[in-house]
Amino acid sequence: MEHTVGGANRFMEKSEREQHDHFLRLFMEHEEMLRLFVRSLLFNMEESREVMQEVAVVLWRKFDSSLDSDSFRRWAFGVARMEALAFRRDRARDRHLFGDDVAELLGCTIQDEANRLDHERNALETCVRKLRPDQRELLQSAYQPGAKLKDLAKTLGWTSMTLYKKLHRIRLQLMECAKRELAAEDYS
């Protein structure tokens, strides 16, 4: 891959491409939560876009390719918090902004919530894998985009009430399983 830097052509080495690809995968995995996090600190969509651009630049500049997904997320949230606070300090003349202590509290809360949601999603995915194949297939059919339960019931030769009851039992099963998974995780 050829790049022009400062007027000189050079080839991106394989290790640089691998590092770049690794960074992009990690960044894309966490970008949505980072955006929500930054948005919660700034309360203005345009400002959060501006800060996210700076966050991406800083993350790439200081990226350590030995980071795994969890380490990258913690580090990226820290960088995002610092960039948002720096942006807020630069705009401190606007008296409609919350103080840094409120922004810090919101940032910690959002990060804790993101971690909790990750654990819950992982527990739910584990529980879905534990379902019987026919139950997984029914869930997939019922919750795919644009699915209409009335049409699905008709296709399966069931009444709508039968389908609702089956889905309700599966949801209860998943809820109980997820509670057990999360409780086991807390004690490990």
C-alpha atoms as a PDB file:
ATOM      1  CA  MET A   1       0.000   0.000   0.000  1.00  0.00           C
ATOM      2  CA  GLU A   2       1.574   3.267  -1.087  1.00  0.00           C
ATOM      3  CA  HIS A   3       1.180   6.508   0.871  1.00  0.00           C
ATOM      4  CA  THR A   4       2.473   9.994   0.302  1.00  0.00           C
ATOM      5  CA  VAL A   5       3.787  11.632   3.445  1.00  0.00           C
ATOM      6  CA  GLY A   6       5.439  15.038   3.326  1.00  0.00           C
ATOM      7  CA  GLY A   7       5.843  14.710  -0.436  1.00  0.00           C
ATOM      8  CA  ALA A   8       7.739  11.400  -0.191  1.00  0.00           C
ATOM      9  CA  ASN A   9       6.347   8.044  -1.242  1.00  0.00           C
ATOM     10  CA  ARG A  10       6.733   5.134   1.085  1.00  0.00           C
ATOM     11  CA  PHE A  11       5.192   1.741   1.547  1.00  0.00           C
ATOM     12  CA  MET A  12       3.226   0.936   4.687  1.00  0.00           C
ATOM     13  CA  GLU A  13       4.944  -2.036   6.237  1.00  0.00           C
ATOM     14  CA  LYS A  14       3.011  -5.161   7.105  1.00  0.00           C
ATOM     15  CA  SER A  15       3.390  -4.558  10.861  1.00  0.00           C
ATOM     16  CA  GLU A  16       2.009  -1.015  10.451  1.00  0.00           C
ATOM     17  CA  ARG A  17      -0.976  -2.338   8.482  1.00  0.00           C
ATOM     18  CA  GLU A  18      -1.605  -4.982  11.134  1.00  0.00           C
ATOM     19  CA  GLN A  19      -1.430  -2.371  13.896  1.00  0.00           C
ATOM     20  CA  HIS A  20      -3.762  -0.103  11.929  1.00  0.00           C
ATOM     21  CA  ASP A  21      -6.239  -2.957  11.330  1.00  0.00           C
ATOM     22  CA  HIS A  22      -6.099  -3.974  15.005  1.00  0.00           C
ATOM     23  CA  PHE A  23      -6.792  -0.379  16.071  1.00  0.00           C
ATOM     24  CA  LEU A  24      -9.714  -0.019  13.655  1.00  0.00           C
ATOM     25  CA  ARG A  25     -11.318  -3.249  14.851  1.00  0.00           C
ATOM     26  CA  LEU A  26     -11.078  -2.182  18.492  1.00  0.00           C
ATOM     27  CA  PHE A  27     -12.191   1.376  17.784  1.00  0.00           C
ATOM     28  CA  MET A  28     -15.210   0.249  15.748  1.00  0.00           C
ATOM     29  CA  GLU A  29     -16.177  -2.246  18.466  1.00  0.00           C
ATOM     30  CA  HIS A  30     -16.376   0.529  21.073  1.00  0.00           C
ATOM     31  CA  GLU A  31     -17.163   3.612  18.987  1.00  0.00           C
ATOM     32  CA  GLU A  32     -20.896   3.687  19.649  1.00  0.00           C
ATOM     33  CA  MET A  33     -20.477   3.543  23.434  1.00  0.00           C
ATOM     34  CA  LEU A  34     -17.686   6.143  23.243  1.00  0.00           C
ATOM     35  CA  ARG A  35     -19.966   8.466  21.278  1.00  0.00           C
ATOM     36  CA  LEU A  36     -22.752   8.049  23.832  1.00  0.00           C
ATOM     37  CA  PHE A  37     -20.278   8.638  26.625  1.00  0.00           C
ATOM     38  CA  VAL A  38     -18.904  11.843  25.067  1.00  0.00           C
ATOM     39  CA  ARG A  39     -22.439  12.986  24.231  1.00  0.00           C
ATOM     40  CA  SER A  40     -23.441  12.548  27.883  1.00  0.00           C
ATOM     41  CA  LEU A  41     -20.584  14.797  28.973  1.00  0.00           C
ATOM     42  CA  LEU A  42     -21.198  17.604  26.493  1.00  0.00           C
ATOM     43  CA  PHE A  43     -24.959  17.721  25.883  1.00  0.00           C
ATOM     44  CA  ASN A  44     -24.453  19.132  22.386  1.00  0.00           C
ATOM     45  CA  MET A  45     -24.274  16.988  19.264  1.00  0.00           C
ATOM     46  CA  GLU A  46     -21.914  19.280  17.368  1.00  0.00           C
ATOM     47  CA  GLU A  47     -19.513  19.565  20.295  1.00  0.00           C
ATOM     48  CA  SER A  48     -19.555  15.799  20.825  1.00  0.00           C
ATOM     49  CA  ARG A  49     -18.717  15.223  17.133  1.00  0.00           C
ATOM     50  CA  GLU A  50     -15.793  17.638  17.458  1.00  0.00           C
ATOM     51  CA  VAL A  51     -14.516  15.919  20.605  1.00  0.00           C
ATOM     52  CA  MET A  52     -14.958  12.437  19.068  1.00  0.00           C
ATOM     53  CA  GLN A  53     -12.732  13.470  16.170  1.00  0.00           C
ATOM     54  CA  GLU A  54     -10.039  14.529  18.618  1.00  0.00           C
ATOM     55  CA  VAL A  55     -10.537  11.330  20.654  1.00  0.00           C
ATOM     56  CA  ALA A  56     -10.004   9.210  17.525  1.00  0.00           C
ATOM     57  CA  VAL A  57      -6.829  11.124  16.657  1.00  0.00           C
ATOM     58  CA  VAL A  58      -5.411  10.790  20.177  1.00  0.00           C
ATOM     59  CA  LEU A  59      -6.314   7.096  20.378  1.00  0.00           C
ATOM     60  CA  TRP A  60      -4.582   6.361  17.078  1.00  0.00           C
ATOM     61  CA  ARG A  61      -1.522   8.458  17.949  1.00  0.00           C
ATOM     62  CA  LYS A  62      -1.017   6.735  21.307  1.00  0.00           C
ATOM     63  CA  PHE A  63      -2.332   3.269  20.411  1.00  0.00           C
ATOM     64  CA  ASP A  64      -0.578   0.280  21.973  1.00  0.00           C
ATOM     65  CA  SER A  65      -1.183  -2.792  19.820  1.00  0.00           C
ATOM     66  CA  SER A  66      -0.878  -5.098  22.831  1.00  0.00           C
ATOM     67  CA  LEU A  67      -4.251  -3.896  24.184  1.00  0.00           C
ATOM     68  CA  ASP A  68      -7.127  -6.353  24.243  1.00  0.00           C
ATOM     69  CA  SER A  69     -10.756  -5.293  23.903  1.00  0.00           C
ATOM     70  CA  ASP A  70     -11.395  -4.627  27.611  1.00  0.00           C
ATOM     71  CA  SER A  71      -8.135  -2.735  28.105  1.00  0.00           C
ATOM     72  CA  PHE A  72      -8.769  -0.688  24.975  1.00  0.00           C
ATOM     73  CA  ARG A  73     -12.286   0.201  26.184  1.00  0.00           C
ATOM     74  CA  ARG A  74     -11.032   1.374  29.599  1.00  0.00           C
ATOM     75  CA  TRP A  75      -8.222   3.365  28.006  1.00  0.00           C
ATOM     76  CA  ALA A  76     -10.482   4.851  25.299  1.00  0.00           C
ATOM     77  CA  PHE A  77     -13.076   5.940  27.860  1.00  0.00           C
ATOM     78  CA  GLY A  78     -10.312   7.595  29.883  1.00  0.00           C
ATOM     79  CA  VAL A  79      -9.049   9.451  26.812  1.00  0.00           C
ATOM     80  CA  ALA A  80     -12.612  10.452  25.893  1.00  0.00           C
ATOM     81  CA  ARG A  81     -13.226  11.765  29.431  1.00  0.00           C
ATOM     82  CA  MET A  82     -10.012  13.810  29.349  1.00  0.00           C
ATOM     83  CA  GLU A  83     -10.750  15.232  25.889  1.00  0.00           C
ATOM     84  CA  ALA A  84     -14.317  16.137  26.868  1.00  0.00           C
ATOM     85  CA  LEU A  85     -13.132  17.835  30.052  1.00  0.00           C
ATOM     86  CA  ALA A  86     -10.436  19.722  28.134  1.00  0.00           C
ATOM     87  CA  PHE A  87     -13.066  20.839  25.615  1.00  0.00           C
ATOM     88  CA  ARG A  88     -15.339  21.964  28.450  1.00  0.00           C
ATOM     89  CA  ARG A  89     -12.514  23.915  30.091  1.00  0.00           C
ATOM     90  CA  ASP A  90     -11.856  25.659  26.792  1.00  0.00           C
ATOM     91  CA  ARG A  91     -15.542  26.595  26.629  1.00  0.00           C
ATOM     92  CA  ALA A  92     -15.888  27.472  30.334  1.00  0.00           C
ATOM     93  CA  ARG A  93     -17.096  30.968  29.498  1.00  0.00           C
ATOM     94  CA  ASP A  94     -20.524  29.528  28.730  1.00  0.00           C
ATOM     95  CA  ARG A  95     -22.284  29.562  32.101  1.00  0.00           C
ATOM     96  CA  HIS A  96     -24.868  27.002  30.904  1.00  0.00           C
ATOM     97  CA  LEU A  97     -22.383  24.144  31.246  1.00  0.00           C
ATOM     98  CA  PHE A  98     -22.351  21.818  34.230  1.00  0.00           C
ATOM     99  CA  GLY A  99     -19.222  21.890  36.360  1.00  0.00           C
ATOM    100  CA  ASP A 100     -16.403  19.391  35.920  1.00  0.00           C
ATOM    101  CA  ASP A 101     -17.529  17.488  39.030  1.00  0.00           C
ATOM    102  CA  VAL A 102     -20.961  16.820  37.498  1.00  0.00           C
ATOM    103  CA  ALA A 103     -19.381  15.885  34.167  1.00  0.00           C
ATOM    104  CA  GLU A 104     -16.969  13.527  35.951  1.00  0.00           C
ATOM    105  CA  LEU A 105     -19.835  11.901  37.872  1.00  0.00           C
ATOM    106  CA  LEU A 106     -21.827  11.463  34.658  1.00  0.00           C
ATOM    107  CA  GLY A 107     -18.772  10.023  32.924  1.00  0.00           C
ATOM    108  CA  CYS A 108     -18.180   7.451  35.654  1.00  0.00           C
ATOM    109  CA  THR A 109     -21.855   6.520  35.686  1.00  0.00           C
ATOM    110  CA  ILE A 110     -21.962   6.053  31.903  1.00  0.00           C
ATOM    111  CA  GLN A 111     -18.799   3.945  31.944  1.00  0.00           C
ATOM    112  CA  ASP A 112     -20.166   1.759  34.766  1.00  0.00           C
ATOM    113  CA  GLU A 113     -23.414   1.380  32.847  1.00  0.00           C
ATOM    114  CA  ALA A 114     -21.534   0.403  29.668  1.00  0.00           C
ATOM    115  CA  ASN A 115     -19.629  -2.264  31.613  1.00  0.00           C
ATOM    116  CA  ARG A 116     -22.855  -3.564  33.178  1.00  0.00           C
ATOM    117  CA  LEU A 117     -24.564  -3.722  29.781  1.00  0.00           C
ATOM    118  CA  ASP A 118     -21.596  -5.634  28.339  1.00  0.00           C
ATOM    119  CA  HIS A 119     -21.856  -8.210  31.120  1.00  0.00           C
ATOM    120  CA  GLU A 120     -25.612  -8.533  30.638  1.00  0.00           C
ATOM    121  CA  ARG A 121     -25.258  -8.912  26.864  1.00  0.00           C
ATOM    122  CA  ASN A 122     -22.592 -11.595  27.308  1.00  0.00           C
ATOM    123  CA  ALA A 123     -24.790 -13.458  29.817  1.00  0.00           C
ATOM    124  CA  LEU A 124     -27.761 -13.289  27.453  1.00  0.00           C
ATOM    125  CA  GLU A 125     -25.672 -14.535  24.507  1.00  0.00           C
ATOM    126  CA  THR A 126     -24.466 -17.450  26.651  1.00  0.00           C
ATOM    127  CA  CYS A 127     -28.055 -18.280  27.591  1.00  0.00           C
ATOM    128  CA  VAL A 128     -29.314 -18.079  24.009  1.00  0.00           C
ATOM    129  CA  ARG A 129     -26.615 -20.579  23.023  1.00  0.00           C
ATOM    130  CA  LYS A 130     -27.932 -22.907  25.752  1.00  0.00           C
ATOM    131  CA  LEU A 131     -31.446 -22.954  24.266  1.00  0.00           C
ATOM    132  CA  ARG A 132     -32.605 -25.887  22.198  1.00  0.00           C
ATOM    133  CA  PRO A 133     -32.107 -25.314  18.458  1.00  0.00           C
ATOM    134  CA  ASP A 134     -35.873 -25.022  17.836  1.00  0.00           C
ATOM    135  CA  GLN A 135     -36.138 -22.338  20.551  1.00  0.00           C
ATOM    136  CA  ARG A 136     -33.227 -20.365  19.080  1.00  0.00           C
ATOM    137  CA  GLU A 137     -34.787 -20.608  15.632  1.00  0.00           C
ATOM    138  CA  LEU A 138     -38.145 -19.402  16.959  1.00  0.00           C
ATOM    139  CA  LEU A 139     -36.486 -16.413  18.670  1.00  0.00           C
ATOM    140  CA  GLN A 140     -34.561 -15.568  15.542  1.00  0.00           C
ATOM    141  CA  SER A 141     -37.709 -15.693  13.418  1.00  0.00           C
ATOM    142  CA  ALA A 142     -39.806 -13.696  15.877  1.00  0.00           C
ATOM    143  CA  TYR A 143     -37.264 -10.930  16.480  1.00  0.00           C
ATOM    144  CA  GLN A 144     -35.758 -10.429  13.046  1.00  0.00           C
ATOM    145  CA  PRO A 145     -36.309  -6.936  11.628  1.00  0.00           C
ATOM    146  CA  GLY A 146     -39.757  -6.529  10.118  1.00  0.00           C
ATOM    147  CA  ALA A 147     -41.116  -9.771  11.575  1.00  0.00           C
ATOM    148  CA  LYS A 148     -44.842  -9.829  12.295  1.00  0.00           C
ATOM    149  CA  LEU A 149     -45.821 -12.306  14.978  1.00  0.00           C
ATOM    150  CA  LYS A 150     -49.283 -12.816  13.488  1.00  0.00           C
ATOM    151  CA  ASP A 151     -47.709 -13.878  10.177  1.00  0.00           C
ATOM    152  CA  LEU A 152     -45.156 -16.099  11.928  1.00  0.00           C
ATOM    153  CA  ALA A 153     -47.901 -17.838  13.943  1.00  0.00           C
ATOM    154  CA  LYS A 154     -49.834 -18.478  10.735  1.00  0.00           C
ATOM    155  CA  THR A 155     -46.711 -19.867   9.001  1.00  0.00           C
ATOM    156  CA  LEU A 156     -46.088 -22.200  11.952  1.00  0.00           C
ATOM    157  CA  GLY A 157     -49.742 -23.296  12.044  1.00  0.00           C
ATOM    158  CA  TRP A 158     -50.232 -21.849  15.538  1.00  0.00           C
ATOM    159  CA  THR A 159     -52.606 -19.307  16.961  1.00  0.00           C
ATOM    160  CA  SER A 160     -51.120 -15.930  17.866  1.00  0.00           C
ATOM    161  CA  MET A 161     -51.745 -16.732  21.546  1.00  0.00           C
ATOM    162  CA  THR A 162     -49.772 -19.995  21.271  1.00  0.00           C
ATOM    163  CA  LEU A 163     -46.826 -18.143  19.753  1.00  0.00           C
ATOM    164  CA  TYR A 164     -46.956 -15.399  22.414  1.00  0.00           C
ATOM    165  CA  LYS A 165     -47.010 -18.027  25.190  1.00  0.00           C
ATOM    166  CA  LYS A 166     -44.055 -19.932  23.705  1.00  0.00           C
ATOM    167  CA  LEU A 167     -42.041 -16.725  23.324  1.00  0.00           C
ATOM    168  CA  HIS A 168     -42.974 -15.659  26.853  1.00  0.00           C
ATOM    169  CA  ARG A 169     -41.721 -18.989  28.270  1.00  0.00           C
ATOM    170  CA  ILE A 170     -38.453 -18.637  26.328  1.00  0.00           C
ATOM    171  CA  ARG A 171     -37.987 -15.067  27.575  1.00  0.00           C
ATOM    172  CA  LEU A 172     -38.569 -16.193  31.174  1.00  0.00           C
ATOM    173  CA  GLN A 173     -36.072 -19.016  30.676  1.00  0.00           C
ATOM    174  CA  LEU A 174     -33.515 -16.557  29.291  1.00  0.00           C
ATOM    175  CA  MET A 175     -34.119 -14.117  32.130  1.00  0.00           C
ATOM    176  CA  GLU A 176     -33.554 -16.790  34.792  1.00  0.00           C
ATOM    177  CA  CYS A 177     -30.478 -18.111  33.002  1.00  0.00           C
ATOM    178  CA  ALA A 178     -29.018 -14.602  32.639  1.00  0.00           C
ATOM    179  CA  LYS A 179     -29.567 -13.935  36.356  1.00  0.00           C
ATOM    180  CA  ARG A 180     -27.679 -17.148  37.188  1.00  0.00           C
ATOM    181  CA  GLU A 181     -24.855 -16.280  34.753  1.00  0.00           C
ATOM    182  CA  LEU A 182     -24.471 -12.783  36.214  1.00  0.00           C
ATOM    183  CA  ALA A 183     -24.569 -14.098  39.776  1.00  0.00           C
ATOM    184  CA  ALA A 184     -21.919 -16.705  38.936  1.00  0.00           C
ATOM    185  CA  GLU A 185     -19.783 -13.995  37.330  1.00  0.00           C
ATOM    186  CA  ASP A 186     -19.971 -11.865  40.494  1.00  0.00           C
ATOM    187  CA  TYR A 187     -18.602 -14.731  42.572  1.00  0.00           C
ATOM    188  CA  SER A 188     -15.814 -15.809  40.218  1.00  0.00           C
END
